[in-house]
Amino acid sequence: ELETALRHPVYPLYLGRRSCPPTLP
């Protein structure tokens, strides 16, 4: 369930702060 959510997130994802979006994968 978490794997699916991470690939299709409801809200934007970031690494600690909103100014830090993750690189893929």
mmCIF file of all heavy atoms, coordinates in Angstrom:
data_MODEL
# 
_entry.id   MODEL 
# 
loop_
_atom_site.group_PDB 
_atom_site.id 
_atom_site.type_symbol 
_atom_site.label_atom_id 
_atom_site.label_alt_id 
_atom_site.label_comp_id 
_atom_site.label_asym_id 
_atom_site.label_entity_id 
_atom_site.label_seq_id 
_atom_site.pdbx_PDB_ins_code 
_atom_site.Cartn_x 
_atom_site.Cartn_y 
_atom_site.Cartn_z 
_atom_site.occupancy 
_atom_site.B_iso_or_equiv 
_atom_site.pdbx_formal_charge 
_atom_site.auth_seq_id 
_atom_site.auth_comp_id 
_atom_site.auth_asym_id 
_atom_site.auth_atom_id 
_atom_site.pdbx_PDB_model_num 
ATOM 1   N N   . GLU A 1 1  ? 0.838  -1.203 0.000   1.00 0.00 ? 1  GLU A N   1 
ATOM 2   C CA  . GLU A 1 1  ? 0.000  0.000  0.000   1.00 0.00 ? 1  GLU A CA  1 
ATOM 3   C C   . GLU A 1 1  ? 0.870  1.249  0.000   1.00 0.00 ? 1  GLU A C   1 
ATOM 4   O O   . GLU A 1 1  ? 0.603  2.216  -0.733  1.00 0.00 ? 1  GLU A O   1 
ATOM 5   C CB  . GLU A 1 1  ? -0.911 -0.009 1.231   1.00 0.00 ? 1  GLU A CB  1 
ATOM 6   C CG  . GLU A 1 1  ? -1.804 1.214  1.357   1.00 0.00 ? 1  GLU A CG  1 
ATOM 7   C CD  . GLU A 1 1  ? -2.595 1.234  2.652   1.00 0.00 ? 1  GLU A CD  1 
ATOM 8   O OE1 . GLU A 1 1  ? -2.549 0.230  3.406   1.00 0.00 ? 1  GLU A OE1 1 
ATOM 9   O OE2 . GLU A 1 1  ? -3.248 2.263  2.922   1.00 0.00 ? 1  GLU A OE2 1 
ATOM 10  N N   . LEU A 1 2  ? 1.936  1.234  0.801   1.00 0.00 ? 2  LEU A N   1 
ATOM 11  C CA  . LEU A 1 2  ? 2.843  2.370  0.854   1.00 0.00 ? 2  LEU A CA  1 
ATOM 12  C C   . LEU A 1 2  ? 3.613  2.533  -0.454  1.00 0.00 ? 2  LEU A C   1 
ATOM 13  O O   . LEU A 1 2  ? 3.821  3.661  -0.934  1.00 0.00 ? 2  LEU A O   1 
ATOM 14  C CB  . LEU A 1 2  ? 3.818  2.203  2.020   1.00 0.00 ? 2  LEU A CB  1 
ATOM 15  C CG  . LEU A 1 2  ? 3.205  2.251  3.421   1.00 0.00 ? 2  LEU A CG  1 
ATOM 16  C CD1 . LEU A 1 2  ? 4.250  1.928  4.469   1.00 0.00 ? 2  LEU A CD1 1 
ATOM 17  C CD2 . LEU A 1 2  ? 2.580  3.613  3.694   1.00 0.00 ? 2  LEU A CD2 1 
ATOM 18  N N   . GLU A 1 3  ? 4.019  1.420  -1.043  1.00 0.00 ? 3  GLU A N   1 
ATOM 19  C CA  . GLU A 1 3  ? 4.736  1.474  -2.320  1.00 0.00 ? 3  GLU A CA  1 
ATOM 20  C C   . GLU A 1 3  ? 3.871  2.127  -3.393  1.00 0.00 ? 3  GLU A C   1 
ATOM 21  O O   . GLU A 1 3  ? 4.328  3.002  -4.148  1.00 0.00 ? 3  GLU A O   1 
ATOM 22  C CB  . GLU A 1 3  ? 5.148  0.064  -2.745  1.00 0.00 ? 3  GLU A CB  1 
ATOM 23  C CG  . GLU A 1 3  ? 5.897  0.021  -4.070  1.00 0.00 ? 3  GLU A CG  1 
ATOM 24  C CD  . GLU A 1 3  ? 6.221  -1.400 -4.509  1.00 0.00 ? 3  GLU A CD  1 
ATOM 25  O OE1 . GLU A 1 3  ? 5.574  -2.342 -4.011  1.00 0.00 ? 3  GLU A OE1 1 
ATOM 26  O OE2 . GLU A 1 3  ? 7.123  -1.557 -5.362  1.00 0.00 ? 3  GLU A OE2 1 
ATOM 27  N N   . THR A 1 4  ? 2.609  1.724  -3.452  1.00 0.00 ? 4  THR A N   1 
ATOM 28  C CA  . THR A 1 4  ? 1.686  2.308  -4.430  1.00 0.00 ? 4  THR A CA  1 
ATOM 29  C C   . THR A 1 4  ? 1.481  3.797  -4.173  1.00 0.00 ? 4  THR A C   1 
ATOM 30  O O   . THR A 1 4  ? 1.476  4.614  -5.106  1.00 0.00 ? 4  THR A O   1 
ATOM 31  C CB  . THR A 1 4  ? 0.326  1.583  -4.373  1.00 0.00 ? 4  THR A CB  1 
ATOM 32  O OG1 . THR A 1 4  ? 0.526  0.201  -4.701  1.00 0.00 ? 4  THR A OG1 1 
ATOM 33  C CG2 . THR A 1 4  ? -0.656 2.193  -5.361  1.00 0.00 ? 4  THR A CG2 1 
ATOM 34  N N   . ALA A 1 5  ? 1.337  4.170  -2.897  1.00 0.00 ? 5  ALA A N   1 
ATOM 35  C CA  . ALA A 1 5  ? 1.122  5.579  -2.549  1.00 0.00 ? 5  ALA A CA  1 
ATOM 36  C C   . ALA A 1 5  ? 2.335  6.428  -2.908  1.00 0.00 ? 5  ALA A C   1 
ATOM 37  O O   . ALA A 1 5  ? 2.192  7.565  -3.378  1.00 0.00 ? 5  ALA A O   1 
ATOM 38  C CB  . ALA A 1 5  ? 0.808  5.702  -1.066  1.00 0.00 ? 5  ALA A CB  1 
ATOM 39  N N   . LEU A 1 6  ? 3.541  5.903  -2.701  1.00 0.00 ? 6  LEU A N   1 
ATOM 40  C CA  . LEU A 1 6  ? 4.742  6.665  -3.025  1.00 0.00 ? 6  LEU A CA  1 
ATOM 41  C C   . LEU A 1 6  ? 4.886  6.886  -4.524  1.00 0.00 ? 6  LEU A C   1 
ATOM 42  O O   . LEU A 1 6  ? 5.427  7.902  -4.965  1.00 0.00 ? 6  LEU A O   1 
ATOM 43  C CB  . LEU A 1 6  ? 5.976  5.942  -2.486  1.00 0.00 ? 6  LEU A CB  1 
ATOM 44  C CG  . LEU A 1 6  ? 6.137  5.969  -0.958  1.00 0.00 ? 6  LEU A CG  1 
ATOM 45  C CD1 . LEU A 1 6  ? 7.204  4.965  -0.524  1.00 0.00 ? 6  LEU A CD1 1 
ATOM 46  C CD2 . LEU A 1 6  ? 6.504  7.361  -0.478  1.00 0.00 ? 6  LEU A CD2 1 
ATOM 47  N N   . ARG A 1 7  ? 4.394  5.950  -5.307  1.00 0.00 ? 7  ARG A N   1 
ATOM 48  C CA  . ARG A 1 7  ? 4.465  6.091  -6.767  1.00 0.00 ? 7  ARG A CA  1 
ATOM 49  C C   . ARG A 1 7  ? 3.325  6.981  -7.292  1.00 0.00 ? 7  ARG A C   1 
ATOM 50  O O   . ARG A 1 7  ? 3.437  7.533  -8.390  1.00 0.00 ? 7  ARG A O   1 
ATOM 51  C CB  . ARG A 1 7  ? 4.422  4.715  -7.421  1.00 0.00 ? 7  ARG A CB  1 
ATOM 52  C CG  . ARG A 1 7  ? 5.599  3.816  -7.022  1.00 0.00 ? 7  ARG A CG  1 
ATOM 53  C CD  . ARG A 1 7  ? 5.641  2.545  -7.843  1.00 0.00 ? 7  ARG A CD  1 
ATOM 54  N NE  . ARG A 1 7  ? 6.570  1.564  -7.300  1.00 0.00 ? 7  ARG A NE  1 
ATOM 55  C CZ  . ARG A 1 7  ? 7.886  1.587  -7.489  1.00 0.00 ? 7  ARG A CZ  1 
ATOM 56  N NH1 . ARG A 1 7  ? 8.432  2.543  -8.211  1.00 0.00 ? 7  ARG A NH1 1 
ATOM 57  N NH2 . ARG A 1 7  ? 8.655  0.643  -6.970  1.00 0.00 ? 7  ARG A NH2 1 
ATOM 58  N N   . HIS A 1 8  ? 2.244  7.100  -6.503  1.00 0.00 ? 8  HIS A N   1 
ATOM 59  C CA  . HIS A 1 8  ? 1.102  7.941  -6.892  1.00 0.00 ? 8  HIS A CA  1 
ATOM 60  C C   . HIS A 1 8  ? 0.638  8.735  -5.668  1.00 0.00 ? 8  HIS A C   1 
ATOM 61  O O   . HIS A 1 8  ? -0.465 8.511  -5.149  1.00 0.00 ? 8  HIS A O   1 
ATOM 62  C CB  . HIS A 1 8  ? -0.041 7.072  -7.437  1.00 0.00 ? 8  HIS A CB  1 
ATOM 63  C CG  . HIS A 1 8  ? 0.376  6.146  -8.538  1.00 0.00 ? 8  HIS A CG  1 
ATOM 64  N ND1 . HIS A 1 8  ? 0.537  6.558  -9.843  1.00 0.00 ? 8  HIS A ND1 1 
ATOM 65  C CD2 . HIS A 1 8  ? 0.706  4.830  -8.514  1.00 0.00 ? 8  HIS A CD2 1 
ATOM 66  C CE1 . HIS A 1 8  ? 0.920  5.536  -10.591 1.00 0.00 ? 8  HIS A CE1 1 
ATOM 67  N NE2 . HIS A 1 8  ? 1.038  4.480  -9.815  1.00 0.00 ? 8  HIS A NE2 1 
ATOM 68  N N   . PRO A 1 9  ? 1.448  9.681  -5.184  1.00 0.00 ? 9  PRO A N   1 
ATOM 69  C CA  . PRO A 1 9  ? 1.147  10.364 -3.925  1.00 0.00 ? 9  PRO A CA  1 
ATOM 70  C C   . PRO A 1 9  ? -0.051 11.306 -4.025  1.00 0.00 ? 9  PRO A C   1 
ATOM 71  O O   . PRO A 1 9  ? -0.304 11.916 -5.066  1.00 0.00 ? 9  PRO A O   1 
ATOM 72  C CB  . PRO A 1 9  ? 2.436  11.145 -3.638  1.00 0.00 ? 9  PRO A CB  1 
ATOM 73  C CG  . PRO A 1 9  ? 3.048  11.373 -4.986  1.00 0.00 ? 9  PRO A CG  1 
ATOM 74  C CD  . PRO A 1 9  ? 2.720  10.137 -5.784  1.00 0.00 ? 9  PRO A CD  1 
ATOM 75  N N   . VAL A 1 10 ? -0.773 11.422 -2.910  1.00 0.00 ? 10 VAL A N   1 
ATOM 76  C CA  . VAL A 1 10 ? -1.899 12.353 -2.823  1.00 0.00 ? 10 VAL A CA  1 
ATOM 77  C C   . VAL A 1 10 ? -1.390 13.792 -2.732  1.00 0.00 ? 10 VAL A C   1 
ATOM 78  O O   . VAL A 1 10 ? -1.901 14.690 -3.399  1.00 0.00 ? 10 VAL A O   1 
ATOM 79  C CB  . VAL A 1 10 ? -2.785 12.015 -1.609  1.00 0.00 ? 10 VAL A CB  1 
ATOM 80  C CG1 . VAL A 1 10 ? -3.895 13.057 -1.444  1.00 0.00 ? 10 VAL A CG1 1 
ATOM 81  C CG2 . VAL A 1 10 ? -3.383 10.619 -1.748  1.00 0.00 ? 10 VAL A CG2 1 
ATOM 82  N N   . TYR A 1 11 ? -0.387 14.013 -1.888  1.00 0.00 ? 11 TYR A N   1 
ATOM 83  C CA  . TYR A 1 11 ? 0.200  15.344 -1.709  1.00 0.00 ? 11 TYR A CA  1 
ATOM 84  C C   . TYR A 1 11 ? 1.653  15.333 -2.180  1.00 0.00 ? 11 TYR A C   1 
ATOM 85  O O   . TYR A 1 11 ? 2.285  14.278 -2.243  1.00 0.00 ? 11 TYR A O   1 
ATOM 86  C CB  . TYR A 1 11 ? 0.150  15.755 -0.229  1.00 0.00 ? 11 TYR A CB  1 
ATOM 87  C CG  . TYR A 1 11 ? -1.246 15.846 0.331   1.00 0.00 ? 11 TYR A CG  1 
ATOM 88  C CD1 . TYR A 1 11 ? -1.636 15.071 1.423   1.00 0.00 ? 11 TYR A CD1 1 
ATOM 89  C CD2 . TYR A 1 11 ? -2.176 16.724 -0.219  1.00 0.00 ? 11 TYR A CD2 1 
ATOM 90  C CE1 . TYR A 1 11 ? -2.920 15.152 1.951   1.00 0.00 ? 11 TYR A CE1 1 
ATOM 91  C CE2 . TYR A 1 11 ? -3.468 16.815 0.303   1.00 0.00 ? 11 TYR A CE2 1 
ATOM 92  C CZ  . TYR A 1 11 ? -3.823 16.026 1.378   1.00 0.00 ? 11 TYR A CZ  1 
ATOM 93  O OH  . TYR A 1 11 ? -5.090 16.111 1.889   1.00 0.00 ? 11 TYR A OH  1 
ATOM 94  N N   . PRO A 1 12 ? 2.209  16.491 -2.506  1.00 0.00 ? 12 PRO A N   1 
ATOM 95  C CA  . PRO A 1 12 ? 3.618  16.560 -2.918  1.00 0.00 ? 12 PRO A CA  1 
ATOM 96  C C   . PRO A 1 12 ? 4.549  16.021 -1.826  1.00 0.00 ? 12 PRO A C   1 
ATOM 97  O O   . PRO A 1 12 ? 4.298  16.213 -0.632  1.00 0.00 ? 12 PRO A O   1 
ATOM 98  C CB  . PRO A 1 12 ? 3.854  18.058 -3.161  1.00 0.00 ? 12 PRO A CB  1 
ATOM 99  C CG  . PRO A 1 12 ? 2.492  18.617 -3.427  1.00 0.00 ? 12 PRO A CG  1 
ATOM 100 C CD  . PRO A 1 12 ? 1.550  17.807 -2.588  1.00 0.00 ? 12 PRO A CD  1 
ATOM 101 N N   . LEU A 1 13 ? 5.614  15.373 -2.244  1.00 0.00 ? 13 LEU A N   1 
ATOM 102 C CA  . LEU A 1 13 ? 6.570  14.773 -1.315  1.00 0.00 ? 13 LEU A CA  1 
ATOM 103 C C   . LEU A 1 13 ? 7.836  15.617 -1.265  1.00 0.00 ? 13 LEU A C   1 
ATOM 104 O O   . LEU A 1 13 ? 8.264  16.188 -2.271  1.00 0.00 ? 13 LEU A O   1 
ATOM 105 C CB  . LEU A 1 13 ? 6.905  13.347 -1.749  1.00 0.00 ? 13 LEU A CB  1 
ATOM 106 C CG  . LEU A 1 13 ? 5.708  12.413 -1.954  1.00 0.00 ? 13 LEU A CG  1 
ATOM 107 C CD1 . LEU A 1 13 ? 6.188  11.030 -2.370  1.00 0.00 ? 13 LEU A CD1 1 
ATOM 108 C CD2 . LEU A 1 13 ? 4.834  12.337 -0.704  1.00 0.00 ? 13 LEU A CD2 1 
ATOM 109 N N   . TYR A 1 14 ? 8.434  15.695 -0.088  1.00 0.00 ? 14 TYR A N   1 
ATOM 110 C CA  . TYR A 1 14 ? 9.666  16.455 0.068   1.00 0.00 ? 14 TYR A CA  1 
ATOM 111 C C   . TYR A 1 14 ? 10.492 15.840 1.188   1.00 0.00 ? 14 TYR A C   1 
ATOM 112 O O   . TYR A 1 14 ? 9.979  15.093 2.034   1.00 0.00 ? 14 TYR A O   1 
ATOM 113 C CB  . TYR A 1 14 ? 9.386  17.935 0.336   1.00 0.00 ? 14 TYR A CB  1 
ATOM 114 C CG  . TYR A 1 14 ? 8.356  18.206 1.404   1.00 0.00 ? 14 TYR A CG  1 
ATOM 115 C CD1 . TYR A 1 14 ? 8.729  18.319 2.741   1.00 0.00 ? 14 TYR A CD1 1 
ATOM 116 C CD2 . TYR A 1 14 ? 7.010  18.366 1.081   1.00 0.00 ? 14 TYR A CD2 1 
ATOM 117 C CE1 . TYR A 1 14 ? 7.786  18.578 3.723   1.00 0.00 ? 14 TYR A CE1 1 
ATOM 118 C CE2 . TYR A 1 14 ? 6.062  18.630 2.064   1.00 0.00 ? 14 TYR A CE2 1 
ATOM 119 C CZ  . TYR A 1 14 ? 6.456  18.738 3.378   1.00 0.00 ? 14 TYR A CZ  1 
ATOM 120 O OH  . TYR A 1 14 ? 5.529  18.985 4.353   1.00 0.00 ? 14 TYR A OH  1 
ATOM 121 N N   . LEU A 1 15 ? 11.783 16.159 1.195   1.00 0.00 ? 15 LEU A N   1 
ATOM 122 C CA  . LEU A 1 15 ? 12.737 15.560 2.134   1.00 0.00 ? 15 LEU A CA  1 
ATOM 123 C C   . LEU A 1 15 ? 13.003 16.527 3.293   1.00 0.00 ? 15 LEU A C   1 
ATOM 124 O O   . LEU A 1 15 ? 13.996 17.226 3.336   1.00 0.00 ? 15 LEU A O   1 
ATOM 125 C CB  . LEU A 1 15 ? 14.034 15.200 1.418   1.00 0.00 ? 15 LEU A CB  1 
ATOM 126 C CG  . LEU A 1 15 ? 13.879 14.272 0.213   1.00 0.00 ? 15 LEU A CG  1 
ATOM 127 C CD1 . LEU A 1 15 ? 15.237 13.845 -0.319  1.00 0.00 ? 15 LEU A CD1 1 
ATOM 128 C CD2 . LEU A 1 15 ? 13.013 13.053 0.533   1.00 0.00 ? 15 LEU A CD2 1 
ATOM 129 N N   . GLY A 1 16 ? 12.049 16.570 4.202   1.00 0.00 ? 16 GLY A N   1 
ATOM 130 C CA  . GLY A 1 16 ? 12.194 17.362 5.418   1.00 0.00 ? 16 GLY A CA  1 
ATOM 131 C C   . GLY A 1 16 ? 11.560 18.731 5.344   1.00 0.00 ? 16 GLY A C   1 
ATOM 132 O O   . GLY A 1 16 ? 10.898 19.159 6.275   1.00 0.00 ? 16 GLY A O   1 
ATOM 133 N N   . ARG A 1 17 ? 11.776 19.461 4.228   1.00 0.00 ? 17 ARG A N   1 
ATOM 134 C CA  . ARG A 1 17 ? 11.177 20.773 4.032   1.00 0.00 ? 17 ARG A CA  1 
ATOM 135 C C   . ARG A 1 17 ? 10.575 20.861 2.650   1.00 0.00 ? 17 ARG A C   1 
ATOM 136 O O   . ARG A 1 17 ? 11.018 20.180 1.722   1.00 0.00 ? 17 ARG A O   1 
ATOM 137 C CB  . ARG A 1 17 ? 12.237 21.881 4.199   1.00 0.00 ? 17 ARG A CB  1 
ATOM 138 C CG  . ARG A 1 17 ? 12.721 22.036 5.623   1.00 0.00 ? 17 ARG A CG  1 
ATOM 139 C CD  . ARG A 1 17 ? 13.276 23.428 5.876   1.00 0.00 ? 17 ARG A CD  1 
ATOM 140 N NE  . ARG A 1 17 ? 13.866 23.463 7.218   1.00 0.00 ? 17 ARG A NE  1 
ATOM 141 C CZ  . ARG A 1 17 ? 15.143 23.716 7.467   1.00 0.00 ? 17 ARG A CZ  1 
ATOM 142 N NH1 . ARG A 1 17 ? 15.964 23.991 6.470   1.00 0.00 ? 17 ARG A NH1 1 
ATOM 143 N NH2 . ARG A 1 17 ? 15.590 23.726 8.700   1.00 0.00 ? 17 ARG A NH2 1 
ATOM 144 N N   . ARG A 1 18 ? 9.603  21.745 2.482   1.00 0.00 ? 18 ARG A N   1 
ATOM 145 C CA  . ARG A 1 18 ? 8.902  21.838 1.208   1.00 0.00 ? 18 ARG A CA  1 
ATOM 146 C C   . ARG A 1 18 ? 9.812  22.307 0.075   1.00 0.00 ? 18 ARG A C   1 
ATOM 147 O O   . ARG A 1 18 ? 9.511  22.088 -1.093  1.00 0.00 ? 18 ARG A O   1 
ATOM 148 C CB  . ARG A 1 18 ? 7.708  22.784 1.337   1.00 0.00 ? 18 ARG A CB  1 
ATOM 149 C CG  . ARG A 1 18 ? 6.679  22.261 2.322   1.00 0.00 ? 18 ARG A CG  1 
ATOM 150 C CD  . ARG A 1 18 ? 5.403  23.058 2.294   1.00 0.00 ? 18 ARG A CD  1 
ATOM 151 N NE  . ARG A 1 18 ? 4.494  22.609 3.340   1.00 0.00 ? 18 ARG A NE  1 
ATOM 152 C CZ  . ARG A 1 18 ? 3.221  22.920 3.411   1.00 0.00 ? 18 ARG A CZ  1 
ATOM 153 N NH1 . ARG A 1 18 ? 2.702  23.708 2.469   1.00 0.00 ? 18 ARG A NH1 1 
ATOM 154 N NH2 . ARG A 1 18 ? 2.460  22.485 4.389   1.00 0.00 ? 18 ARG A NH2 1 
ATOM 155 N N   . SER A 1 19 ? 10.894 22.953 0.423   1.00 0.00 ? 19 SER A N   1 
ATOM 156 C CA  . SER A 1 19 ? 11.841 23.411 -0.596  1.00 0.00 ? 19 SER A CA  1 
ATOM 157 C C   . SER A 1 19 ? 12.794 22.314 -1.045  1.00 0.00 ? 19 SER A C   1 
ATOM 158 O O   . SER A 1 19 ? 13.706 22.579 -1.832  1.00 0.00 ? 19 SER A O   1 
ATOM 159 C CB  . SER A 1 19 ? 12.652 24.590 -0.050  1.00 0.00 ? 19 SER A CB  1 
ATOM 160 O OG  . SER A 1 19 ? 13.361 24.210 1.127   1.00 0.00 ? 19 SER A OG  1 
ATOM 161 N N   . CYS A 1 20 ? 12.595 21.073 -0.567  1.00 0.00 ? 20 CYS A N   1 
ATOM 162 C CA  . CYS A 1 20 ? 13.525 19.973 -0.845  1.00 0.00 ? 20 CYS A CA  1 
ATOM 163 C C   . CYS A 1 20 ? 12.812 18.783 -1.500  1.00 0.00 ? 20 CYS A C   1 
ATOM 164 O O   . CYS A 1 20 ? 12.638 17.727 -0.865  1.00 0.00 ? 20 CYS A O   1 
ATOM 165 C CB  . CYS A 1 20 ? 14.192 19.508 0.449   1.00 0.00 ? 20 CYS A CB  1 
ATOM 166 S SG  . CYS A 1 20 ? 15.059 20.810 1.350   1.00 0.00 ? 20 CYS A SG  1 
ATOM 167 N N   . PRO A 1 21 ? 12.380 18.904 -2.755  1.00 0.00 ? 21 PRO A N   1 
ATOM 168 C CA  . PRO A 1 21 ? 11.760 17.762 -3.428  1.00 0.00 ? 21 PRO A CA  1 
ATOM 169 C C   . PRO A 1 21 ? 12.797 16.684 -3.722  1.00 0.00 ? 21 PRO A C   1 
ATOM 170 O O   . PRO A 1 21 ? 13.959 16.991 -4.006  1.00 0.00 ? 21 PRO A O   1 
ATOM 171 C CB  . PRO A 1 21 ? 11.209 18.367 -4.722  1.00 0.00 ? 21 PRO A CB  1 
ATOM 172 C CG  . PRO A 1 21 ? 12.087 19.545 -4.980  1.00 0.00 ? 21 PRO A CG  1 
ATOM 173 C CD  . PRO A 1 21 ? 12.442 20.095 -3.626  1.00 0.00 ? 21 PRO A CD  1 
ATOM 174 N N   . PRO A 1 22 ? 12.412 15.409 -3.658  1.00 0.00 ? 22 PRO A N   1 
ATOM 175 C CA  . PRO A 1 22 ? 13.373 14.321 -3.902  1.00 0.00 ? 22 PRO A CA  1 
ATOM 176 C C   . PRO A 1 22 ? 13.648 14.131 -5.388  1.00 0.00 ? 22 PRO A C   1 
ATOM 177 O O   . PRO A 1 22 ? 12.807 14.429 -6.237  1.00 0.00 ? 22 PRO A O   1 
ATOM 178 C CB  . PRO A 1 22 ? 12.659 13.099 -3.322  1.00 0.00 ? 22 PRO A CB  1 
ATOM 179 C CG  . PRO A 1 22 ? 11.202 13.415 -3.484  1.00 0.00 ? 22 PRO A CG  1 
ATOM 180 C CD  . PRO A 1 22 ? 11.083 14.906 -3.273  1.00 0.00 ? 22 PRO A CD  1 
ATOM 181 N N   . THR A 1 23 ? 14.832 13.628 -5.685  1.00 0.00 ? 23 THR A N   1 
ATOM 182 C CA  . THR A 1 23 ? 15.122 13.187 -7.043  1.00 0.00 ? 23 THR A CA  1 
ATOM 183 C C   . THR A 1 23 ? 14.617 11.755 -7.200  1.00 0.00 ? 23 THR A C   1 
ATOM 184 O O   . THR A 1 23 ? 14.373 11.045 -6.213  1.00 0.00 ? 23 THR A O   1 
ATOM 185 C CB  . THR A 1 23 ? 16.624 13.239 -7.347  1.00 0.00 ? 23 THR A CB  1 
ATOM 186 O OG1 . THR A 1 23 ? 17.328 12.408 -6.414  1.00 0.00 ? 23 THR A OG1 1 
ATOM 187 C CG2 . THR A 1 23 ? 17.144 14.661 -7.228  1.00 0.00 ? 23 THR A CG2 1 
ATOM 188 N N   . LEU A 1 24 ? 14.443 11.326 -8.444  1.00 0.00 ? 24 LEU A N   1 
ATOM 189 C CA  . LEU A 1 24 ? 13.947 9.974  -8.721  1.00 0.00 ? 24 LEU A CA  1 
ATOM 190 C C   . LEU A 1 24 ? 15.102 9.035  -9.046  1.00 0.00 ? 24 LEU A C   1 
ATOM 191 O O   . LEU A 1 24 ? 16.135 9.463  -9.563  1.00 0.00 ? 24 LEU A O   1 
ATOM 192 C CB  . LEU A 1 24 ? 12.951 10.031 -9.886  1.00 0.00 ? 24 LEU A CB  1 
ATOM 193 C CG  . LEU A 1 24 ? 11.703 10.885 -9.638  1.00 0.00 ? 24 LEU A CG  1 
ATOM 194 C CD1 . LEU A 1 24 ? 10.825 10.897 -10.891 1.00 0.00 ? 24 LEU A CD1 1 
ATOM 195 C CD2 . LEU A 1 24 ? 10.919 10.392 -8.434  1.00 0.00 ? 24 LEU A CD2 1 
ATOM 196 N N   . PRO A 1 25 ? 14.920 7.729  -8.734  1.00 0.00 ? 25 PRO A N   1 
ATOM 197 C CA  . PRO A 1 25 ? 13.730 7.124  -8.133  1.00 0.00 ? 25 PRO A CA  1 
ATOM 198 C C   . PRO A 1 25 ? 13.696 7.326  -6.624  1.00 0.00 ? 25 PRO A C   1 
ATOM 199 O O   . PRO A 1 25 ? 14.739 7.321  -5.970  1.00 0.00 ? 25 PRO A O   1 
ATOM 200 C CB  . PRO A 1 25 ? 13.906 5.639  -8.473  1.00 0.00 ? 25 PRO A CB  1 
ATOM 201 C CG  . PRO A 1 25 ? 15.394 5.449  -8.504  1.00 0.00 ? 25 PRO A CG  1 
ATOM 202 C CD  . PRO A 1 25 ? 15.949 6.730  -9.073  1.00 0.00 ? 25 PRO A CD  1 
# 
